[in-house]
Amino acid sequence: KWKSRELFSDLMDDLVISHVLSNNKLIKLILRNVQLQNSLFFILTILVVTNDKKYSSVAGIVIGLTLVLVHLIGIGLTGTSVNPARRLGPAIVLLGTALKQVWVFIVGPIVGALVAGYLYKYLKAKSK
């Protein structure tokens, strides 16, 4: 019974997001950037706390709290899912606009992670 509620919730989220994304170009741009920025922030946090020994004792809590923050910021705006598969499944079931817009939830996190990696590398080289 729980799985059906979760699937229904995901499907409803996708319907709302699909409707919003399909109707306003400014909102489309903002929502696409939310996915990218959340991923960038999350991955950059992981890189910083796991590559410095002085943060090793608190790395887990920092990463966990960052994940909570990313979701608090993003869920209300895009239905944020750090795992793109959580958007792909319902989009395949819904088809239509949901499937056309699922790329935002796949490309945004990938681009955000790449930017975070390069930004971290740049900032680390600059601090030496």
C-alpha atoms as a PDB file:
ATOM      1  CA  LYS A   1       0.000   0.000   0.000  1.00  0.00           C
ATOM      2  CA  TRP A   2       2.865   2.396   0.826  1.00  0.00           C
ATOM      3  CA  LYS A   3       4.468   1.983  -2.615  1.00  0.00           C
ATOM      4  CA  SER A   4       1.259   2.990  -4.370  1.00  0.00           C
ATOM      5  CA  ARG A   5       1.027   6.176  -2.270  1.00  0.00           C
ATOM      6  CA  GLU A   6       4.654   7.003  -3.045  1.00  0.00           C
ATOM      7  CA  LEU A   7       4.121   6.422  -6.784  1.00  0.00           C
ATOM      8  CA  PHE A   8       0.933   8.516  -6.732  1.00  0.00           C
ATOM      9  CA  SER A   9       2.799  11.310  -4.942  1.00  0.00           C
ATOM     10  CA  ASP A  10       5.623  11.216  -7.508  1.00  0.00           C
ATOM     11  CA  LEU A  11       3.116  11.218 -10.369  1.00  0.00           C
ATOM     12  CA  MET A  12       1.274  14.221  -8.912  1.00  0.00           C
ATOM     13  CA  ASP A  13       4.564  16.078  -8.390  1.00  0.00           C
ATOM     14  CA  ASP A  14       5.476  15.425 -12.000  1.00  0.00           C
ATOM     15  CA  LEU A  15       2.088  16.625 -13.228  1.00  0.00           C
ATOM     16  CA  VAL A  16       2.434  19.906 -11.317  1.00  0.00           C
ATOM     17  CA  ILE A  17       6.057  20.413 -12.375  1.00  0.00           C
ATOM     18  CA  SER A  18       5.239  19.553 -15.993  1.00  0.00           C
ATOM     19  CA  HIS A  19       2.403  22.086 -16.017  1.00  0.00           C
ATOM     20  CA  VAL A  20       4.573  24.833 -14.509  1.00  0.00           C
ATOM     21  CA  LEU A  21       7.531  24.076 -16.780  1.00  0.00           C
ATOM     22  CA  SER A  22       5.435  24.100 -19.918  1.00  0.00           C
ATOM     23  CA  ASN A  23       3.803  27.491 -19.311  1.00  0.00           C
ATOM     24  CA  ASN A  24       6.432  30.090 -18.401  1.00  0.00           C
ATOM     25  CA  LYS A  25       9.916  30.605 -19.857  1.00  0.00           C
ATOM     26  CA  LEU A  26      11.295  32.483 -16.832  1.00  0.00           C
ATOM     27  CA  ILE A  27      10.060  29.801 -14.443  1.00  0.00           C
ATOM     28  CA  LYS A  28      11.581  27.137 -16.716  1.00  0.00           C
ATOM     29  CA  LEU A  29      14.960  28.843 -16.483  1.00  0.00           C
ATOM     30  CA  ILE A  30      14.775  29.260 -12.703  1.00  0.00           C
ATOM     31  CA  LEU A  31      13.745  25.644 -12.126  1.00  0.00           C
ATOM     32  CA  ARG A  32      16.490  24.328 -14.380  1.00  0.00           C
ATOM     33  CA  ASN A  33      19.020  26.387 -12.464  1.00  0.00           C
ATOM     34  CA  VAL A  34      17.710  25.126  -9.114  1.00  0.00           C
ATOM     35  CA  GLN A  35      18.604  21.564 -10.105  1.00  0.00           C
ATOM     36  CA  LEU A  36      22.065  22.652 -11.258  1.00  0.00           C
ATOM     37  CA  GLN A  37      22.776  24.848  -8.227  1.00  0.00           C
ATOM     38  CA  ASN A  38      21.583  22.272  -5.714  1.00  0.00           C
ATOM     39  CA  SER A  39      23.826  19.627  -7.247  1.00  0.00           C
ATOM     40  CA  LEU A  40      26.756  22.041  -7.418  1.00  0.00           C
ATOM     41  CA  PHE A  41      26.341  22.991  -3.755  1.00  0.00           C
ATOM     42  CA  PHE A  42      25.938  19.364  -2.617  1.00  0.00           C
ATOM     43  CA  ILE A  43      28.914  17.993  -4.572  1.00  0.00           C
ATOM     44  CA  LEU A  44      31.140  20.940  -3.629  1.00  0.00           C
ATOM     45  CA  THR A  45      30.322  20.330   0.042  1.00  0.00           C
ATOM     46  CA  ILE A  46      31.198  16.648  -0.318  1.00  0.00           C
ATOM     47  CA  LEU A  47      34.504  17.483  -2.017  1.00  0.00           C
ATOM     48  CA  VAL A  48      35.505  19.994   0.637  1.00  0.00           C
ATOM     49  CA  VAL A  49      34.687  17.888   3.702  1.00  0.00           C
ATOM     50  CA  THR A  50      36.072  14.609   2.370  1.00  0.00           C
ATOM     51  CA  ASN A  51      39.376  15.959   1.064  1.00  0.00           C
ATOM     52  CA  ASP A  52      40.566  17.664   4.217  1.00  0.00           C
ATOM     53  CA  LYS A  53      41.495  15.613   7.291  1.00  0.00           C
ATOM     54  CA  LYS A  54      40.452  18.366   9.697  1.00  0.00           C
ATOM     55  CA  TYR A  55      36.809  17.859   8.640  1.00  0.00           C
ATOM     56  CA  SER A  56      36.855  14.051   8.713  1.00  0.00           C
ATOM     57  CA  SER A  57      35.176  13.798  12.119  1.00  0.00           C
ATOM     58  CA  VAL A  58      32.175  15.849  10.993  1.00  0.00           C
ATOM     59  CA  ALA A  59      32.042  14.940   7.290  1.00  0.00           C
ATOM     60  CA  GLY A  60      29.037  12.641   7.647  1.00  0.00           C
ATOM     61  CA  ILE A  61      26.913  15.141   9.532  1.00  0.00           C
ATOM     62  CA  VAL A  62      27.888  17.991   7.196  1.00  0.00           C
ATOM     63  CA  ILE A  63      27.011  15.955   4.097  1.00  0.00           C
ATOM     64  CA  GLY A  64      23.734  14.802   5.655  1.00  0.00           C
ATOM     65  CA  LEU A  65      22.701  18.312   6.671  1.00  0.00           C
ATOM     66  CA  THR A  66      23.647  19.632   3.241  1.00  0.00           C
ATOM     67  CA  LEU A  67      21.425  17.002   1.649  1.00  0.00           C
ATOM     68  CA  VAL A  68      18.570  18.092   3.916  1.00  0.00           C
ATOM     69  CA  LEU A  69      19.183  21.741   2.969  1.00  0.00           C
ATOM     70  CA  VAL A  70      19.237  20.906  -0.753  1.00  0.00           C
ATOM     71  CA  HIS A  71      15.888  19.178  -0.371  1.00  0.00           C
ATOM     72  CA  LEU A  72      14.370  21.965   1.745  1.00  0.00           C
ATOM     73  CA  ILE A  73      15.322  24.483  -0.928  1.00  0.00           C
ATOM     74  CA  GLY A  74      14.432  22.398  -3.944  1.00  0.00           C
ATOM     75  CA  ILE A  75      11.399  20.281  -3.097  1.00  0.00           C
ATOM     76  CA  GLY A  76       8.990  23.202  -3.091  1.00  0.00           C
ATOM     77  CA  LEU A  77      10.382  24.527  -6.357  1.00  0.00           C
ATOM     78  CA  THR A  78      11.084  21.468  -8.483  1.00  0.00           C
ATOM     79  CA  GLY A  79      10.339  18.373  -6.449  1.00  0.00           C
ATOM     80  CA  THR A  80      14.115  17.980  -6.227  1.00  0.00           C
ATOM     81  CA  SER A  81      15.444  14.500  -6.496  1.00  0.00           C
ATOM     82  CA  VAL A  82      19.161  14.008  -6.069  1.00  0.00           C
ATOM     83  CA  ASN A  83      18.611  10.627  -7.722  1.00  0.00           C
ATOM     84  CA  PRO A  84      17.425  11.267 -11.322  1.00  0.00           C
ATOM     85  CA  ALA A  85      15.812   7.815 -11.425  1.00  0.00           C
ATOM     86  CA  ARG A  86      13.117   9.094  -9.038  1.00  0.00           C
ATOM     87  CA  ARG A  87      11.981  11.457 -11.797  1.00  0.00           C
ATOM     88  CA  LEU A  88      12.579   9.162 -14.754  1.00  0.00           C
ATOM     89  CA  GLY A  89      10.220   6.393 -13.575  1.00  0.00           C
ATOM     90  CA  PRO A  90       7.139   8.585 -13.052  1.00  0.00           C
ATOM     91  CA  ALA A  91       7.918  10.515 -16.256  1.00  0.00           C
ATOM     92  CA  ILE A  92       7.881   7.275 -18.255  1.00  0.00           C
ATOM     93  CA  VAL A  93       4.527   6.358 -16.695  1.00  0.00           C
ATOM     94  CA  LEU A  94       3.032   9.812 -17.358  1.00  0.00           C
ATOM     95  CA  LEU A  95       4.605  10.305 -20.800  1.00  0.00           C
ATOM     96  CA  GLY A  96       3.742  13.618 -22.469  1.00  0.00           C
ATOM     97  CA  THR A  97       5.143  16.794 -20.934  1.00  0.00           C
ATOM     98  CA  ALA A  98       6.613  14.986 -17.929  1.00  0.00           C
ATOM     99  CA  LEU A  99       8.818  12.899 -20.216  1.00  0.00           C
ATOM    100  CA  LYS A 100       9.791  15.948 -22.274  1.00  0.00           C
ATOM    101  CA  GLN A 101      10.946  17.765 -19.120  1.00  0.00           C
ATOM    102  CA  VAL A 102      12.715  14.900 -17.324  1.00  0.00           C
ATOM    103  CA  TRP A 103      16.011  15.922 -18.925  1.00  0.00           C
ATOM    104  CA  VAL A 104      16.157  18.840 -16.463  1.00  0.00           C
ATOM    105  CA  PHE A 105      16.448  16.336 -13.604  1.00  0.00           C
ATOM    106  CA  ILE A 106      19.156  14.371 -15.416  1.00  0.00           C
ATOM    107  CA  VAL A 107      21.258  17.084 -17.047  1.00  0.00           C
ATOM    108  CA  GLY A 108      21.034  19.609 -14.170  1.00  0.00           C
ATOM    109  CA  PRO A 109      22.697  17.355 -11.579  1.00  0.00           C
ATOM    110  CA  ILE A 110      25.350  16.169 -14.051  1.00  0.00           C
ATOM    111  CA  VAL A 111      26.281  19.715 -15.081  1.00  0.00           C
ATOM    112  CA  GLY A 112      26.150  20.851 -11.438  1.00  0.00           C
ATOM    113  CA  ALA A 113      28.515  18.048 -10.428  1.00  0.00           C
ATOM    114  CA  LEU A 114      30.936  18.865 -13.255  1.00  0.00           C
ATOM    115  CA  VAL A 115      30.951  22.555 -12.371  1.00  0.00           C
ATOM    116  CA  ALA A 116      31.475  21.692  -8.683  1.00  0.00           C
ATOM    117  CA  GLY A 117      34.433  19.469  -9.558  1.00  0.00           C
ATOM    118  CA  TYR A 118      36.103  22.108 -11.689  1.00  0.00           C
ATOM    119  CA  LEU A 119      35.331  24.861  -9.164  1.00  0.00           C
ATOM    120  CA  TYR A 120      36.807  22.804  -6.332  1.00  0.00           C
ATOM    121  CA  LYS A 121      39.909  22.034  -8.384  1.00  0.00           C
ATOM    122  CA  TYR A 122      40.315  25.732  -9.232  1.00  0.00           C
ATOM    123  CA  LEU A 123      39.802  26.947  -5.665  1.00  0.00           C
ATOM    124  CA  LYS A 124      42.149  24.303  -4.268  1.00  0.00           C
ATOM    125  CA  ALA A 125      44.896  25.228  -6.789  1.00  0.00           C
ATOM    126  CA  LYS A 126      44.408  28.919  -6.061  1.00  0.00           C
ATOM    127  CA  SER A 127      44.754  28.384  -2.291  1.00  0.00           C
ATOM    128  CA  LYS A 128      48.178  26.718  -2.628  1.00  0.00           C
END
